[in-house]
Amino acid sequence: MVKPTTSHLVATKRILRYVKGTSNHGIQYSKNQSGELIGYSDSDWSGDKDDRKSIATYVFMIENASFSWSSKKESVVALSSCEAEYIAASMTACQAQWINMLLMELGEQWKVGGKALQNR
């Protein structure tokens, strides 16, 4: 912001062209709050062929619409596919707890795994 260059202008124009070209894409959210908060996780064991680290991913959905997702390389080398999945599940559980606390703080009530969340 202090000393913009032509490369900054080119990058900004590229972003604006992307936004303009994808304005008809989107995720539709409904106003019905009777749905469940659902999360999925996965891992690809030794997905990076250079350092043999796995990629852990998760996605959370409300009313069949995604609202939180991540895909990143795990910080350690998993020795088995089970360990890689465990690391991904642990990352997913941390995010799920944060989402639960956020929804309760916002005063929303969602069903998680069939059990309704309520304010304390």
PDB file of N, CA and C in Angstrom:
ATOM      1  N   MET A   1       0.825  -1.192   0.000  1.00  0.00           N
ATOM      2  CA  MET A   1       0.000   0.000   0.000  1.00  0.00           C
ATOM      3  C   MET A   1       0.871   1.257   0.000  1.00  0.00           C
ATOM      4  N   VAL A   2       2.064   1.160   0.542  1.00  0.00           N
ATOM      5  CA  VAL A   2       2.919   2.340   0.621  1.00  0.00           C
ATOM      6  C   VAL A   2       3.542   2.659  -0.733  1.00  0.00           C
ATOM      7  N   LYS A   3       4.120   1.633  -1.384  1.00  0.00           N
ATOM      8  CA  LYS A   3       4.784   1.847  -2.671  1.00  0.00           C
ATOM      9  C   LYS A   3       4.292   0.816  -3.689  1.00  0.00           C
ATOM     10  N   PRO A   4       3.071   0.986  -4.211  1.00  0.00           N
ATOM     11  CA  PRO A   4       2.571   0.006  -5.181  1.00  0.00           C
ATOM     12  C   PRO A   4       3.370   0.079  -6.488  1.00  0.00           C
ATOM     13  N   THR A   5       3.537  -1.096  -7.075  1.00  0.00           N
ATOM     14  CA  THR A   5       4.251  -1.183  -8.348  1.00  0.00           C
ATOM     15  C   THR A   5       3.295  -1.691  -9.421  1.00  0.00           C
ATOM     16  N   THR A   6       3.802  -1.789 -10.646  1.00  0.00           N
ATOM     17  CA  THR A   6       2.960  -2.283 -11.732  1.00  0.00           C
ATOM     18  C   THR A   6       2.566  -3.736 -11.506  1.00  0.00           C
ATOM     19  N   SER A   7       3.408  -4.524 -10.833  1.00  0.00           N
ATOM     20  CA  SER A   7       3.033  -5.913 -10.557  1.00  0.00           C
ATOM     21  C   SER A   7       1.835  -5.984  -9.605  1.00  0.00           C
ATOM     22  N   HIS A   8       1.732  -5.029  -8.694  1.00  0.00           N
ATOM     23  CA  HIS A   8       0.564  -4.967  -7.806  1.00  0.00           C
ATOM     24  C   HIS A   8      -0.702  -4.644  -8.605  1.00  0.00           C
ATOM     25  N   LEU A   9      -0.570  -3.723  -9.559  1.00  0.00           N
ATOM     26  CA  LEU A   9      -1.708  -3.361 -10.398  1.00  0.00           C
ATOM     27  C   LEU A   9      -2.147  -4.545 -11.249  1.00  0.00           C
ATOM     28  N   VAL A  10      -1.189  -5.282 -11.807  1.00  0.00           N
ATOM     29  CA  VAL A  10      -1.506  -6.450 -12.618  1.00  0.00           C
ATOM     30  C   VAL A  10      -2.225  -7.505 -11.769  1.00  0.00           C
ATOM     31  N   ALA A  11      -1.737  -7.749 -10.541  1.00  0.00           N
ATOM     32  CA  ALA A  11      -2.366  -8.727  -9.650  1.00  0.00           C
ATOM     33  C   ALA A  11      -3.781  -8.289  -9.276  1.00  0.00           C
ATOM     34  N   THR A  12      -3.968  -7.010  -9.017  1.00  0.00           N
ATOM     35  CA  THR A  12      -5.300  -6.491  -8.667  1.00  0.00           C
ATOM     36  C   THR A  12      -6.269  -6.660  -9.831  1.00  0.00           C
ATOM     37  N   LYS A  13      -5.817  -6.350 -11.038  1.00  0.00           N
ATOM     38  CA  LYS A  13      -6.675  -6.525 -12.209  1.00  0.00           C
ATOM     39  C   LYS A  13      -7.033  -7.992 -12.416  1.00  0.00           C
ATOM     40  N   ARG A  14      -6.087  -8.873 -12.180  1.00  0.00           N
ATOM     41  CA  ARG A  14      -6.351 -10.310 -12.321  1.00  0.00           C
ATOM     42  C   ARG A  14      -7.421 -10.763 -11.330  1.00  0.00           C
ATOM     43  N   ILE A  15      -7.333 -10.299 -10.094  1.00  0.00           N
ATOM     44  CA  ILE A  15      -8.328 -10.648  -9.069  1.00  0.00           C
ATOM     45  C   ILE A  15      -9.699 -10.123  -9.472  1.00  0.00           C
ATOM     46  N   LEU A  16      -9.762  -8.891  -9.928  1.00  0.00           N
ATOM     47  CA  LEU A  16     -11.047  -8.305 -10.332  1.00  0.00           C
ATOM     48  C   LEU A  16     -11.650  -9.033 -11.526  1.00  0.00           C
ATOM     49  N   ARG A  17     -10.804  -9.469 -12.492  1.00  0.00           N
ATOM     50  CA  ARG A  17     -11.318 -10.249 -13.620  1.00  0.00           C
ATOM     51  C   ARG A  17     -11.865 -11.590 -13.146  1.00  0.00           C
ATOM     52  N   TYR A  18     -11.180 -12.200 -12.165  1.00  0.00           N
ATOM     53  CA  TYR A  18     -11.658 -13.468 -11.610  1.00  0.00           C
ATOM     54  C   TYR A  18     -13.016 -13.287 -10.936  1.00  0.00           C
ATOM     55  N   VAL A  19     -13.144 -12.255 -10.114  1.00  0.00           N
ATOM     56  CA  VAL A  19     -14.411 -11.998  -9.408  1.00  0.00           C
ATOM     57  C   VAL A  19     -15.524 -11.728 -10.415  1.00  0.00           C
ATOM     58  N   LYS A  20     -15.237 -10.936 -11.432  1.00  0.00           N
ATOM     59  CA  LYS A  20     -16.246 -10.640 -12.458  1.00  0.00           C
ATOM     60  C   LYS A  20     -16.658 -11.906 -13.204  1.00  0.00           C
ATOM     61  N   GLY A  21     -15.701 -12.765 -13.511  1.00  0.00           N
ATOM     62  CA  GLY A  21     -15.990 -13.972 -14.271  1.00  0.00           C
ATOM     63  C   GLY A  21     -16.674 -15.068 -13.483  1.00  0.00           C
ATOM     64  N   THR A  22     -16.630 -14.997 -12.161  1.00  0.00           N
ATOM     65  CA  THR A  22     -17.237 -16.044 -11.330  1.00  0.00           C
ATOM     66  C   THR A  22     -18.398 -15.520 -10.497  1.00  0.00           C
ATOM     67  N   SER A  23     -18.949 -14.387 -10.873  1.00  0.00           N
ATOM     68  CA  SER A  23     -20.036 -13.803 -10.076  1.00  0.00           C
ATOM     69  C   SER A  23     -21.299 -14.648 -10.094  1.00  0.00           C
ATOM     70  N   ASN A  24     -21.458 -15.519 -11.098  1.00  0.00           N
ATOM     71  CA  ASN A  24     -22.646 -16.375 -11.146  1.00  0.00           C
ATOM     72  C   ASN A  24     -22.440 -17.688 -10.389  1.00  0.00           C
ATOM     73  N   HIS A  25     -21.264 -17.919  -9.844  1.00  0.00           N
ATOM     74  CA  HIS A  25     -20.996 -19.103  -9.023  1.00  0.00           C
ATOM     75  C   HIS A  25     -21.308 -18.764  -7.563  1.00  0.00           C
ATOM     76  N   GLY A  26     -21.650 -19.759  -6.801  1.00  0.00           N
ATOM     77  CA  GLY A  26     -21.895 -19.490  -5.395  1.00  0.00           C
ATOM     78  C   GLY A  26     -22.464 -20.687  -4.664  1.00  0.00           C
ATOM     79  N   ILE A  27     -22.658 -20.495  -3.387  1.00  0.00           N
ATOM     80  CA  ILE A  27     -23.252 -21.511  -2.520  1.00  0.00           C
ATOM     81  C   ILE A  27     -24.551 -20.942  -1.997  1.00  0.00           C
ATOM     82  N   GLN A  28     -25.610 -21.704  -2.108  1.00  0.00           N
ATOM     83  CA  GLN A  28     -26.914 -21.226  -1.670  1.00  0.00           C
ATOM     84  C   GLN A  28     -27.174 -21.706  -0.246  1.00  0.00           C
ATOM     85  N   TYR A  29     -27.464 -20.770   0.636  1.00  0.00           N
ATOM     86  CA  TYR A  29     -27.788 -21.069   2.022  1.00  0.00           C
ATOM     87  C   TYR A  29     -29.279 -20.833   2.236  1.00  0.00           C
ATOM     88  N   SER A  30     -29.917 -21.732   2.970  1.00  0.00           N
ATOM     89  CA  SER A  30     -31.338 -21.540   3.248  1.00  0.00           C
ATOM     90  C   SER A  30     -31.496 -20.915   4.629  1.00  0.00           C
ATOM     91  N   LYS A  31     -32.675 -20.383   4.886  1.00  0.00           N
ATOM     92  CA  LYS A  31     -32.950 -19.753   6.176  1.00  0.00           C
ATOM     93  C   LYS A  31     -33.444 -20.745   7.213  1.00  0.00           C
ATOM     94  N   ASN A  32     -33.709 -21.967   6.803  1.00  0.00           N
ATOM     95  CA  ASN A  32     -34.199 -22.992   7.710  1.00  0.00           C
ATOM     96  C   ASN A  32     -33.079 -23.411   8.661  1.00  0.00           C
ATOM     97  N   GLN A  33     -33.315 -23.358   9.962  1.00  0.00           N
ATOM     98  CA  GLN A  33     -32.284 -23.694  10.941  1.00  0.00           C
ATOM     99  C   GLN A  33     -32.506 -25.066  11.556  1.00  0.00           C
ATOM    100  N   SER A  34     -33.235 -25.922  10.898  1.00  0.00           N
ATOM    101  CA  SER A  34     -33.506 -27.230  11.471  1.00  0.00           C
ATOM    102  C   SER A  34     -32.471 -28.270  11.043  1.00  0.00           C
ATOM    103  N   GLY A  35     -31.520 -27.872  10.230  1.00  0.00           N
ATOM    104  CA  GLY A  35     -30.537 -28.821   9.709  1.00  0.00           C
ATOM    105  C   GLY A  35     -29.439 -29.146  10.694  1.00  0.00           C
ATOM    106  N   GLU A  36     -28.607 -30.070  10.275  1.00  0.00           N
ATOM    107  CA  GLU A  36     -27.493 -30.496  11.101  1.00  0.00           C
ATOM    108  C   GLU A  36     -26.203 -29.833  10.668  1.00  0.00           C
ATOM    109  N   LEU A  37     -25.328 -29.648  11.637  1.00  0.00           N
ATOM    110  CA  LEU A  37     -23.957 -29.247  11.377  1.00  0.00           C
ATOM    111  C   LEU A  37     -23.181 -30.541  11.171  1.00  0.00           C
ATOM    112  N   ILE A  38     -22.615 -30.721   9.974  1.00  0.00           N
ATOM    113  CA  ILE A  38     -21.926 -31.961   9.631  1.00  0.00           C
ATOM    114  C   ILE A  38     -20.504 -31.629   9.202  1.00  0.00           C
ATOM    115  N   GLY A  39     -19.547 -32.424   9.666  1.00  0.00           N
ATOM    116  CA  GLY A  39     -18.159 -32.248   9.276  1.00  0.00           C
ATOM    117  C   GLY A  39     -17.576 -33.534   8.728  1.00  0.00           C
ATOM    118  N   TYR A  40     -16.719 -33.399   7.738  1.00  0.00           N
ATOM    119  CA  TYR A  40     -16.033 -34.538   7.140  1.00  0.00           C
ATOM    120  C   TYR A  40     -14.534 -34.256   7.142  1.00  0.00           C
ATOM    121  N   SER A  41     -13.741 -35.305   7.314  1.00  0.00           N
ATOM    122  CA  SER A  41     -12.293 -35.147   7.229  1.00  0.00           C
ATOM    123  C   SER A  41     -11.714 -36.281   6.395  1.00  0.00           C
ATOM    124  N   ASP A  42     -10.538 -36.034   5.847  1.00  0.00           N
ATOM    125  CA  ASP A  42      -9.846 -37.048   5.063  1.00  0.00           C
ATOM    126  C   ASP A  42      -8.368 -36.707   5.030  1.00  0.00           C
ATOM    127  N   SER A  43      -7.576 -37.682   4.651  1.00  0.00           N
ATOM    128  CA  SER A  43      -6.145 -37.488   4.531  1.00  0.00           C
ATOM    129  C   SER A  43      -5.625 -38.390   3.431  1.00  0.00           C
ATOM    130  N   ASP A  44      -4.623 -37.930   2.715  1.00  0.00           N
ATOM    131  CA  ASP A  44      -3.971 -38.802   1.738  1.00  0.00           C
ATOM    132  C   ASP A  44      -2.576 -39.131   2.270  1.00  0.00           C
ATOM    133  N   TRP A  45      -2.383 -40.357   2.632  1.00  0.00           N
ATOM    134  CA  TRP A  45      -1.137 -40.777   3.256  1.00  0.00           C
ATOM    135  C   TRP A  45       0.025 -40.593   2.295  1.00  0.00           C
ATOM    136  N   SER A  46       1.037 -39.870   2.744  1.00  0.00           N
ATOM    137  CA  SER A  46       2.251 -39.587   1.960  1.00  0.00           C
ATOM    138  C   SER A  46       1.922 -38.983   0.610  1.00  0.00           C
ATOM    139  N   GLY A  47       0.992 -38.039   0.603  1.00  0.00           N
ATOM    140  CA  GLY A  47       0.549 -37.436  -0.649  1.00  0.00           C
ATOM    141  C   GLY A  47       1.610 -36.613  -1.346  1.00  0.00           C
ATOM    142  N   ASP A  48       2.494 -35.967  -0.587  1.00  0.00           N
ATOM    143  CA  ASP A  48       3.575 -35.193  -1.180  1.00  0.00           C
ATOM    144  C   ASP A  48       4.759 -36.121  -1.411  1.00  0.00           C
ATOM    145  N   LYS A  49       5.107 -36.336  -2.659  1.00  0.00           N
ATOM    146  CA  LYS A  49       6.164 -37.300  -2.997  1.00  0.00           C
ATOM    147  C   LYS A  49       7.557 -36.812  -2.610  1.00  0.00           C
ATOM    148  N   ASP A  50       7.718 -35.500  -2.397  1.00  0.00           N
ATOM    149  CA  ASP A  50       9.039 -34.980  -2.040  1.00  0.00           C
ATOM    150  C   ASP A  50       9.389 -35.223  -0.578  1.00  0.00           C
ATOM    151  N   ASP A  51       8.488 -34.879   0.324  1.00  0.00           N
ATOM    152  CA  ASP A  51       8.797 -35.034   1.752  1.00  0.00           C
ATOM    153  C   ASP A  51       7.933 -36.083   2.449  1.00  0.00           C
ATOM    154  N   ARG A  52       7.057 -36.768   1.697  1.00  0.00           N
ATOM    155  CA  ARG A  52       6.206 -37.859   2.187  1.00  0.00           C
ATOM    156  C   ARG A  52       5.206 -37.417   3.260  1.00  0.00           C
ATOM    157  N   LYS A  53       4.916 -36.137   3.336  1.00  0.00           N
ATOM    158  CA  LYS A  53       3.916 -35.665   4.291  1.00  0.00           C
ATOM    159  C   LYS A  53       2.532 -35.794   3.672  1.00  0.00           C
ATOM    160  N   SER A  54       1.549 -36.027   4.516  1.00  0.00           N
ATOM    161  CA  SER A  54       0.169 -36.199   4.081  1.00  0.00           C
ATOM    162  C   SER A  54      -0.544 -34.856   4.004  1.00  0.00           C
ATOM    163  N   ILE A  55      -1.611 -34.813   3.251  1.00  0.00           N
ATOM    164  CA  ILE A  55      -2.464 -33.629   3.155  1.00  0.00           C
ATOM    165  C   ILE A  55      -3.746 -33.924   3.933  1.00  0.00           C
ATOM    166  N   ALA A  56      -4.021 -33.115   4.951  1.00  0.00           N
ATOM    167  CA  ALA A  56      -5.228 -33.269   5.772  1.00  0.00           C
ATOM    168  C   ALA A  56      -6.280 -32.277   5.290  1.00  0.00           C
ATOM    169  N   THR A  57      -7.509 -32.755   5.138  1.00  0.00           N
ATOM    170  CA  THR A  57      -8.594 -31.896   4.674  1.00  0.00           C
ATOM    171  C   THR A  57      -9.827 -32.077   5.549  1.00  0.00           C
ATOM    172  N   TYR A  58     -10.630 -31.008   5.631  1.00  0.00           N
ATOM    173  CA  TYR A  58     -11.941 -31.120   6.273  1.00  0.00           C
ATOM    174  C   TYR A  58     -12.890 -30.146   5.615  1.00  0.00           C
ATOM    175  N   VAL A  59     -14.185 -30.428   5.782  1.00  0.00           N
ATOM    176  CA  VAL A  59     -15.239 -29.531   5.327  1.00  0.00           C
ATOM    177  C   VAL A  59     -16.392 -29.626   6.318  1.00  0.00           C
ATOM    178  N   PHE A  60     -16.995 -28.489   6.642  1.00  0.00           N
ATOM    179  CA  PHE A  60     -18.171 -28.435   7.512  1.00  0.00           C
ATOM    180  C   PHE A  60     -19.330 -27.867   6.717  1.00  0.00           C
ATOM    181  N   MET A  61     -20.505 -28.450   6.931  1.00  0.00           N
ATOM    182  CA  MET A  61     -21.692 -28.053   6.188  1.00  0.00           C
ATOM    183  C   MET A  61     -22.867 -27.842   7.144  1.00  0.00           C
ATOM    184  N   ILE A  62     -23.681 -26.853   6.829  1.00  0.00           N
ATOM    185  CA  ILE A  62     -24.966 -26.628   7.493  1.00  0.00           C
ATOM    186  C   ILE A  62     -25.997 -26.542   6.379  1.00  0.00           C
ATOM    187  N   GLU A  63     -27.087 -27.292   6.536  1.00  0.00           N
ATOM    188  CA  GLU A  63     -28.140 -27.289   5.522  1.00  0.00           C
ATOM    189  C   GLU A  63     -27.581 -27.671   4.154  1.00  0.00           C
ATOM    190  N   ASN A  64     -26.666 -28.624   4.106  1.00  0.00           N
ATOM    191  CA  ASN A  64     -26.063 -29.116   2.867  1.00  0.00           C
ATOM    192  C   ASN A  64     -25.283 -28.052   2.101  1.00  0.00           C
ATOM    193  N   ALA A  65     -24.845 -26.996   2.781  1.00  0.00           N
ATOM    194  CA  ALA A  65     -24.029 -25.960   2.163  1.00  0.00           C
ATOM    195  C   ALA A  65     -22.722 -25.829   2.938  1.00  0.00           C
ATOM    196  N   SER A  66     -21.613 -25.916   2.242  1.00  0.00           N
ATOM    197  CA  SER A  66     -20.305 -25.800   2.877  1.00  0.00           C
ATOM    198  C   SER A  66     -20.092 -24.384   3.377  1.00  0.00           C
ATOM    199  N   PHE A  67     -19.494 -24.252   4.564  1.00  0.00           N
ATOM    200  CA  PHE A  67     -19.183 -22.921   5.060  1.00  0.00           C
ATOM    201  C   PHE A  67     -17.790 -22.830   5.662  1.00  0.00           C
ATOM    202  N   SER A  68     -17.143 -23.947   5.918  1.00  0.00           N
ATOM    203  CA  SER A  68     -15.785 -23.928   6.447  1.00  0.00           C
ATOM    204  C   SER A  68     -15.041 -25.134   5.890  1.00  0.00           C
ATOM    205  N   TRP A  69     -13.840 -24.896   5.350  1.00  0.00           N
ATOM    206  CA  TRP A  69     -13.072 -26.007   4.793  1.00  0.00           C
ATOM    207  C   TRP A  69     -11.589 -25.672   4.857  1.00  0.00           C
ATOM    208  N   SER A  70     -10.783 -26.706   4.797  1.00  0.00           N
ATOM    209  CA  SER A  70      -9.332 -26.531   4.830  1.00  0.00           C
ATOM    210  C   SER A  70      -8.672 -27.729   4.152  1.00  0.00           C
ATOM    211  N   SER A  71      -7.532 -27.480   3.571  1.00  0.00           N
ATOM    212  CA  SER A  71      -6.708 -28.532   2.992  1.00  0.00           C
ATOM    213  C   SER A  71      -5.271 -28.084   3.145  1.00  0.00           C
ATOM    214  N   LYS A  72      -4.527 -28.763   4.030  1.00  0.00           N
ATOM    215  CA  LYS A  72      -3.145 -28.355   4.220  1.00  0.00           C
ATOM    216  C   LYS A  72      -2.259 -29.540   4.570  1.00  0.00           C
ATOM    217  N   LYS A  73      -0.983 -29.344   4.324  1.00  0.00           N
ATOM    218  CA  LYS A  73      -0.007 -30.384   4.569  1.00  0.00           C
ATOM    219  C   LYS A  73       0.165 -30.573   6.075  1.00  0.00           C
ATOM    220  N   GLU A  74       0.183 -31.829   6.513  1.00  0.00           N
ATOM    221  CA  GLU A  74       0.405 -32.117   7.925  1.00  0.00           C
ATOM    222  C   GLU A  74       1.844 -31.764   8.286  1.00  0.00           C
ATOM    223  N   SER A  75       2.067 -31.399   9.544  1.00  0.00           N
ATOM    224  CA  SER A  75       3.390 -30.933   9.962  1.00  0.00           C
ATOM    225  C   SER A  75       4.375 -32.067  10.227  1.00  0.00           C
ATOM    226  N   VAL A  76       3.897 -33.289  10.332  1.00  0.00           N
ATOM    227  CA  VAL A  76       4.764 -34.437  10.593  1.00  0.00           C
ATOM    228  C   VAL A  76       4.559 -35.502   9.521  1.00  0.00           C
ATOM    229  N   VAL A  77       5.505 -36.419   9.427  1.00  0.00           N
ATOM    230  CA  VAL A  77       5.377 -37.536   8.490  1.00  0.00           C
ATOM    231  C   VAL A  77       4.663 -38.673   9.214  1.00  0.00           C
ATOM    232  N   ALA A  78       3.493 -39.039   8.712  1.00  0.00           N
ATOM    233  CA  ALA A  78       2.730 -40.136   9.313  1.00  0.00           C
ATOM    234  C   ALA A  78       3.335 -41.464   8.880  1.00  0.00           C
ATOM    235  N   LEU A  79       3.429 -42.402   9.808  1.00  0.00           N
ATOM    236  CA  LEU A  79       4.031 -43.698   9.514  1.00  0.00           C
ATOM    237  C   LEU A  79       3.033 -44.699   8.953  1.00  0.00           C
ATOM    238  N   SER A  80       1.744 -44.364   8.981  1.00  0.00           N
ATOM    239  CA  SER A  80       0.715 -45.247   8.434  1.00  0.00           C
ATOM    240  C   SER A  80      -0.467 -44.413   7.985  1.00  0.00           C
ATOM    241  N   SER A  81      -1.326 -45.015   7.177  1.00  0.00           N
ATOM    242  CA  SER A  81      -2.525 -44.310   6.741  1.00  0.00           C
ATOM    243  C   SER A  81      -3.444 -44.040   7.926  1.00  0.00           C
ATOM    244  N   CYS A  82      -3.446 -44.937   8.897  1.00  0.00           N
ATOM    245  CA  CYS A  82      -4.264 -44.747  10.099  1.00  0.00           C
ATOM    246  C   CYS A  82      -3.803 -43.508  10.876  1.00  0.00           C
ATOM    247  N   GLU A  83      -2.489 -43.353  11.002  1.00  0.00           N
ATOM    248  CA  GLU A  83      -1.954 -42.188  11.712  1.00  0.00           C
ATOM    249  C   GLU A  83      -2.280 -40.898  10.960  1.00  0.00           C
ATOM    250  N   ALA A  84      -2.188 -40.924   9.647  1.00  0.00           N
ATOM    251  CA  ALA A  84      -2.514 -39.744   8.845  1.00  0.00           C
ATOM    252  C   ALA A  84      -3.981 -39.361   9.023  1.00  0.00           C
ATOM    253  N   GLU A  85      -4.868 -40.356   9.023  1.00  0.00           N
ATOM    254  CA  GLU A  85      -6.295 -40.094   9.232  1.00  0.00           C
ATOM    255  C   GLU A  85      -6.557 -39.556  10.640  1.00  0.00           C
ATOM    256  N   TYR A  86      -5.831 -40.073  11.620  1.00  0.00           N
ATOM    257  CA  TYR A  86      -5.980 -39.617  13.007  1.00  0.00           C
ATOM    258  C   TYR A  86      -5.583 -38.145  13.124  1.00  0.00           C
ATOM    259  N   ILE A  87      -4.501 -37.757  12.471  1.00  0.00           N
ATOM    260  CA  ILE A  87      -4.054 -36.365  12.502  1.00  0.00           C
ATOM    261  C   ILE A  87      -5.116 -35.468  11.863  1.00  0.00           C
ATOM    262  N   ALA A  88      -5.661 -35.888  10.727  1.00  0.00           N
ATOM    263  CA  ALA A  88      -6.715 -35.108  10.058  1.00  0.00           C
ATOM    264  C   ALA A  88      -7.964 -35.015  10.931  1.00  0.00           C
ATOM    265  N   ALA A  89      -8.331 -36.115  11.581  1.00  0.00           N
ATOM    266  CA  ALA A  89      -9.513 -36.118  12.457  1.00  0.00           C
ATOM    267  C   ALA A  89      -9.308 -35.202  13.653  1.00  0.00           C
ATOM    268  N   SER A  90      -8.086 -35.164  14.174  1.00  0.00           N
ATOM    269  CA  SER A  90      -7.777 -34.286  15.296  1.00  0.00           C
ATOM    270  C   SER A  90      -7.915 -32.818  14.901  1.00  0.00           C
ATOM    271  N   MET A  91      -7.406 -32.475  13.715  1.00  0.00           N
ATOM    272  CA  MET A  91      -7.533 -31.113  13.202  1.00  0.00           C
ATOM    273  C   MET A  91      -9.009 -30.758  13.003  1.00  0.00           C
ATOM    274  N   THR A  92      -9.789 -31.704  12.509  1.00  0.00           N
ATOM    275  CA  THR A  92     -11.215 -31.496  12.281  1.00  0.00           C
ATOM    276  C   THR A  92     -11.952 -31.299  13.600  1.00  0.00           C
ATOM    277  N   ALA A  93     -11.595 -32.084  14.610  1.00  0.00           N
ATOM    278  CA  ALA A  93     -12.243 -31.970  15.917  1.00  0.00           C
ATOM    279  C   ALA A  93     -11.975 -30.602  16.550  1.00  0.00           C
ATOM    280  N   CYS A  94     -10.773 -30.089  16.392  1.00  0.00           N
ATOM    281  CA  CYS A  94     -10.458 -28.754  16.920  1.00  0.00           C
ATOM    282  C   CYS A  94     -11.317 -27.694  16.240  1.00  0.00           C
ATOM    283  N   GLN A  95     -11.446 -27.785  14.931  1.00  0.00           N
ATOM    284  CA  GLN A  95     -12.279 -26.832  14.198  1.00  0.00           C
ATOM    285  C   GLN A  95     -13.745 -26.979  14.582  1.00  0.00           C
ATOM    286  N   ALA A  96     -14.203 -28.209  14.771  1.00  0.00           N
ATOM    287  CA  ALA A  96     -15.598 -28.445  15.169  1.00  0.00           C
ATOM    288  C   ALA A  96     -15.889 -27.807  16.523  1.00  0.00           C
ATOM    289  N   GLN A  97     -14.969 -27.930  17.453  1.00  0.00           N
ATOM    290  CA  GLN A  97     -15.161 -27.326  18.776  1.00  0.00           C
ATOM    291  C   GLN A  97     -15.235 -25.806  18.662  1.00  0.00           C
ATOM    292  N   TRP A  98     -14.377 -25.228  17.840  1.00  0.00           N
ATOM    293  CA  TRP A  98     -14.396 -23.780  17.654  1.00  0.00           C
ATOM    294  C   TRP A  98     -15.721 -23.343  17.028  1.00  0.00           C
ATOM    295  N   ILE A  99     -16.194 -24.080  16.024  1.00  0.00           N
ATOM    296  CA  ILE A  99     -17.469 -23.749  15.377  1.00  0.00           C
ATOM    297  C   ILE A  99     -18.619 -23.871  16.372  1.00  0.00           C
ATOM    298  N   ASN A 100     -18.610 -24.922  17.196  1.00  0.00           N
ATOM    299  CA  ASN A 100     -19.651 -25.094  18.205  1.00  0.00           C
ATOM    300  C   ASN A 100     -19.697 -23.904  19.150  1.00  0.00           C
ATOM    301  N   MET A 101     -18.536 -23.488  19.632  1.00  0.00           N
ATOM    302  CA  MET A 101     -18.490 -22.359  20.564  1.00  0.00           C
ATOM    303  C   MET A 101     -18.948 -21.067  19.877  1.00  0.00           C
ATOM    304  N   LEU A 102     -18.568 -20.880  18.627  1.00  0.00           N
ATOM    305  CA  LEU A 102     -18.983 -19.694  17.889  1.00  0.00           C
ATOM    306  C   LEU A 102     -20.499 -19.662  17.715  1.00  0.00           C
ATOM    307  N   LEU A 103     -21.081 -20.787  17.324  1.00  0.00           N
ATOM    308  CA  LEU A 103     -22.529 -20.832  17.126  1.00  0.00           C
ATOM    309  C   LEU A 103     -23.274 -20.591  18.440  1.00  0.00           C
ATOM    310  N   MET A 104     -22.776 -21.141  19.534  1.00  0.00           N
ATOM    311  CA  MET A 104     -23.424 -20.902  20.825  1.00  0.00           C
ATOM    312  C   MET A 104     -23.302 -19.443  21.231  1.00  0.00           C
ATOM    313  N   GLU A 105     -22.145 -18.838  20.953  1.00  0.00           N
ATOM    314  CA  GLU A 105     -21.950 -17.431  21.288  1.00  0.00           C
ATOM    315  C   GLU A 105     -22.870 -16.531  20.459  1.00  0.00           C
ATOM    316  N   LEU A 106     -23.131 -16.935  19.224  1.00  0.00           N
ATOM    317  CA  LEU A 106     -24.024 -16.164  18.363  1.00  0.00           C
ATOM    318  C   LEU A 106     -25.494 -16.400  18.689  1.00  0.00           C
ATOM    319  N   GLY A 107     -25.751 -17.353  19.577  1.00  0.00           N
ATOM    320  CA  GLY A 107     -27.117 -17.628  19.981  1.00  0.00           C
ATOM    321  C   GLY A 107     -27.874 -18.521  19.025  1.00  0.00           C
ATOM    322  N   GLU A 108     -27.168 -19.165  18.135  1.00  0.00           N
ATOM    323  CA  GLU A 108     -27.802 -20.072  17.182  1.00  0.00           C
ATOM    324  C   GLU A 108     -27.924 -21.456  17.802  1.00  0.00           C
ATOM    325  N   GLN A 109     -28.926 -22.178  17.383  1.00  0.00           N
ATOM    326  CA  GLN A 109     -29.109 -23.549  17.850  1.00  0.00           C
ATOM    327  C   GLN A 109     -29.083 -24.466  16.643  1.00  0.00           C
ATOM    328  N   TRP A 110     -28.096 -25.335  16.587  1.00  0.00           N
ATOM    329  CA  TRP A 110     -27.938 -26.278  15.493  1.00  0.00           C
ATOM    330  C   TRP A 110     -27.817 -27.669  16.074  1.00  0.00           C
ATOM    331  N   LYS A 111     -28.232 -28.642  15.309  1.00  0.00           N
ATOM    332  CA  LYS A 111     -28.071 -30.017  15.731  1.00  0.00           C
ATOM    333  C   LYS A 111     -26.705 -30.515  15.273  1.00  0.00           C
ATOM    334  N   VAL A 112     -25.941 -31.073  16.199  1.00  0.00           N
ATOM    335  CA  VAL A 112     -24.647 -31.642  15.871  1.00  0.00           C
ATOM    336  C   VAL A 112     -24.716 -33.118  16.169  1.00  0.00           C
ATOM    337  N   GLY A 113     -24.634 -33.924  15.126  1.00  0.00           N
ATOM    338  CA  GLY A 113     -24.726 -35.371  15.315  1.00  0.00           C
ATOM    339  C   GLY A 113     -26.058 -35.785  15.936  1.00  0.00           C
ATOM    340  N   GLY A 114     -27.133 -35.061  15.625  1.00  0.00           N
ATOM    341  CA  GLY A 114     -28.457 -35.406  16.143  1.00  0.00           C
ATOM    342  C   GLY A 114     -28.766 -34.779  17.484  1.00  0.00           C
ATOM    343  N   LYS A 115     -27.763 -34.129  18.123  1.00  0.00           N
ATOM    344  CA  LYS A 115     -27.979 -33.509  19.422  1.00  0.00           C
ATOM    345  C   LYS A 115     -27.962 -31.995  19.243  1.00  0.00           C
ATOM    346  N   ALA A 116     -28.973 -31.318  19.759  1.00  0.00           N
ATOM    347  CA  ALA A 116     -29.078 -29.870  19.578  1.00  0.00           C
ATOM    348  C   ALA A 116     -28.082 -29.156  20.500  1.00  0.00           C
ATOM    349  N   LEU A 117     -27.403 -28.161  19.922  1.00  0.00           N
ATOM    350  CA  LEU A 117     -26.535 -27.291  20.725  1.00  0.00           C
ATOM    351  C   LEU A 117     -27.411 -26.234  21.376  1.00  0.00           C
ATOM    352  N   GLN A 118     -27.120 -25.892  22.606  1.00  0.00           N
ATOM    353  CA  GLN A 118     -27.889 -24.867  23.281  1.00  0.00           C
ATOM    354  C   GLN A 118     -26.941 -23.942  24.026  1.00  0.00           C
ATOM    355  N   ASN A 119     -27.381 -22.705  24.218  1.00  0.00           N
ATOM    356  CA  ASN A 119     -26.582 -21.754  25.000  1.00  0.00           C
ATOM    357  C   ASN A 119     -26.481 -22.239  26.438  1.00  0.00           C
ATOM    358  N   ARG A 120     -25.373 -21.969  27.053  1.00  0.00           N
ATOM    359  CA  ARG A 120     -25.190 -22.341  28.465  1.00  0.00           C
ATOM    360  C   ARG A 120     -25.496 -21.192  29.356  1.00  0.00           C
TER     361      ARG A 120
END
